[in-house]
Amino acid sequence: MSEPTPKARHELRPPTIDEALTNASRLLNGAEMEVGNPPVAQRLDELACTWLNIARFLHERSEP
């Protein structure tokens, strides 16, 4: 008989709006630092947009 798997120490939870905005800001700052590497800057910008969309979704979901 197999043993039950132990619970993870940290259970996953959805990000907060502030965390999503912080991630977007961090990625945009990184994109600005990649002036000499346009493909990386573009990818960081795309990831930042994703985090902004997550923040928007969380905000819309929290409205009554």
C-alpha atoms as a PDB file:
ATOM      1  CA  MET A   1       0.000   0.000   0.000  1.00  0.00           C
ATOM      2  CA  SER A   2       1.413   3.395  -0.917  1.00  0.00           C
ATOM      3  CA  GLU A   3       1.986   6.122   1.613  1.00  0.00           C
ATOM      4  CA  PRO A   4      -0.028   9.322   1.228  1.00  0.00           C
ATOM      5  CA  THR A   5       2.046  12.168  -0.106  1.00  0.00           C
ATOM      6  CA  PRO A   6       2.879  14.791   2.504  1.00  0.00           C
ATOM      7  CA  LYS A   7       1.333  18.216   2.119  1.00  0.00           C
ATOM      8  CA  ALA A   8       3.533  20.796   0.498  1.00  0.00           C
ATOM      9  CA  ARG A   9       5.026  23.265   2.937  1.00  0.00           C
ATOM     10  CA  HIS A  10       3.684  26.175   0.925  1.00  0.00           C
ATOM     11  CA  GLU A  11       0.379  25.732  -0.795  1.00  0.00           C
ATOM     12  CA  LEU A  12      -0.130  27.671  -3.994  1.00  0.00           C
ATOM     13  CA  ARG A  13      -2.366  30.705  -3.852  1.00  0.00           C
ATOM     14  CA  PRO A  14      -3.344  33.212  -6.503  1.00  0.00           C
ATOM     15  CA  PRO A  15      -1.251  36.377  -6.639  1.00  0.00           C
ATOM     16  CA  THR A  16      -2.636  39.591  -5.227  1.00  0.00           C
ATOM     17  CA  ILE A  17      -3.209  42.639  -7.405  1.00  0.00           C
ATOM     18  CA  ASP A  18      -0.224  44.339  -5.765  1.00  0.00           C
ATOM     19  CA  GLU A  19       2.010  41.346  -6.441  1.00  0.00           C
ATOM     20  CA  ALA A  20       0.948  41.267 -10.095  1.00  0.00           C
ATOM     21  CA  LEU A  21       1.658  44.989 -10.472  1.00  0.00           C
ATOM     22  CA  THR A  22       5.015  44.607  -8.720  1.00  0.00           C
ATOM     23  CA  ASN A  23       5.979  41.804 -11.099  1.00  0.00           C
ATOM     24  CA  ALA A  24       4.978  43.919 -14.106  1.00  0.00           C
ATOM     25  CA  SER A  25       7.014  46.847 -12.821  1.00  0.00           C
ATOM     26  CA  ARG A  26      10.063  44.683 -12.195  1.00  0.00           C
ATOM     27  CA  LEU A  27       9.866  43.228 -15.700  1.00  0.00           C
ATOM     28  CA  LEU A  28       9.477  46.655 -17.316  1.00  0.00           C
ATOM     29  CA  ASN A  29      12.517  47.908 -15.405  1.00  0.00           C
ATOM     30  CA  GLY A  30      14.425  44.899 -16.698  1.00  0.00           C
ATOM     31  CA  ALA A  31      13.281  45.642 -20.245  1.00  0.00           C
ATOM     32  CA  GLU A  32      14.616  49.181 -19.939  1.00  0.00           C
ATOM     33  CA  MET A  33      17.994  47.787 -18.899  1.00  0.00           C
ATOM     34  CA  GLU A  34      18.151  45.572 -22.013  1.00  0.00           C
ATOM     35  CA  VAL A  35      18.607  48.449 -24.476  1.00  0.00           C
ATOM     36  CA  GLY A  36      21.288  46.556 -26.395  1.00  0.00           C
ATOM     37  CA  ASN A  37      19.278  43.346 -26.616  1.00  0.00           C
ATOM     38  CA  PRO A  38      15.918  44.082 -28.294  1.00  0.00           C
ATOM     39  CA  PRO A  39      14.611  40.469 -28.318  1.00  0.00           C
ATOM     40  CA  VAL A  40      15.080  40.172 -24.555  1.00  0.00           C
ATOM     41  CA  ALA A  41      13.591  43.628 -23.968  1.00  0.00           C
ATOM     42  CA  GLN A  42      10.569  42.701 -26.080  1.00  0.00           C
ATOM     43  CA  ARG A  43      10.035  39.427 -24.223  1.00  0.00           C
ATOM     44  CA  LEU A  44      10.265  41.158 -20.848  1.00  0.00           C
ATOM     45  CA  ASP A  45       7.733  43.719 -22.077  1.00  0.00           C
ATOM     46  CA  GLU A  46       5.389  40.920 -23.172  1.00  0.00           C
ATOM     47  CA  LEU A  47       5.697  39.240 -19.780  1.00  0.00           C
ATOM     48  CA  ALA A  48       4.980  42.558 -18.066  1.00  0.00           C
ATOM     49  CA  CYS A  49       1.827  42.901 -20.177  1.00  0.00           C
ATOM     50  CA  THR A  50       0.763  39.451 -19.035  1.00  0.00           C
ATOM     51  CA  TRP A  51       1.129  40.488 -15.390  1.00  0.00           C
ATOM     52  CA  LEU A  52      -0.852  43.672 -16.069  1.00  0.00           C
ATOM     53  CA  ASN A  53      -3.622  41.532 -17.567  1.00  0.00           C
ATOM     54  CA  ILE A  54      -3.564  39.314 -14.478  1.00  0.00           C
ATOM     55  CA  ALA A  55      -3.856  42.401 -12.245  1.00  0.00           C
ATOM     56  CA  ARG A  56      -6.796  43.649 -14.341  1.00  0.00           C
ATOM     57  CA  PHE A  57      -8.499  40.252 -14.131  1.00  0.00           C
ATOM     58  CA  LEU A  58      -8.040  40.128 -10.351  1.00  0.00           C
ATOM     59  CA  HIS A  59      -9.401  43.654 -10.016  1.00  0.00           C
ATOM     60  CA  GLU A  60     -12.457  42.864 -12.148  1.00  0.00           C
ATOM     61  CA  ARG A  61     -13.056  39.673 -10.200  1.00  0.00           C
ATOM     62  CA  SER A  62     -12.961  41.538  -6.878  1.00  0.00           C
ATOM     63  CA  GLU A  63     -15.576  44.130  -7.915  1.00  0.00           C
ATOM     64  CA  PRO A  64     -19.125  43.558  -6.611  1.00  0.00           C
END
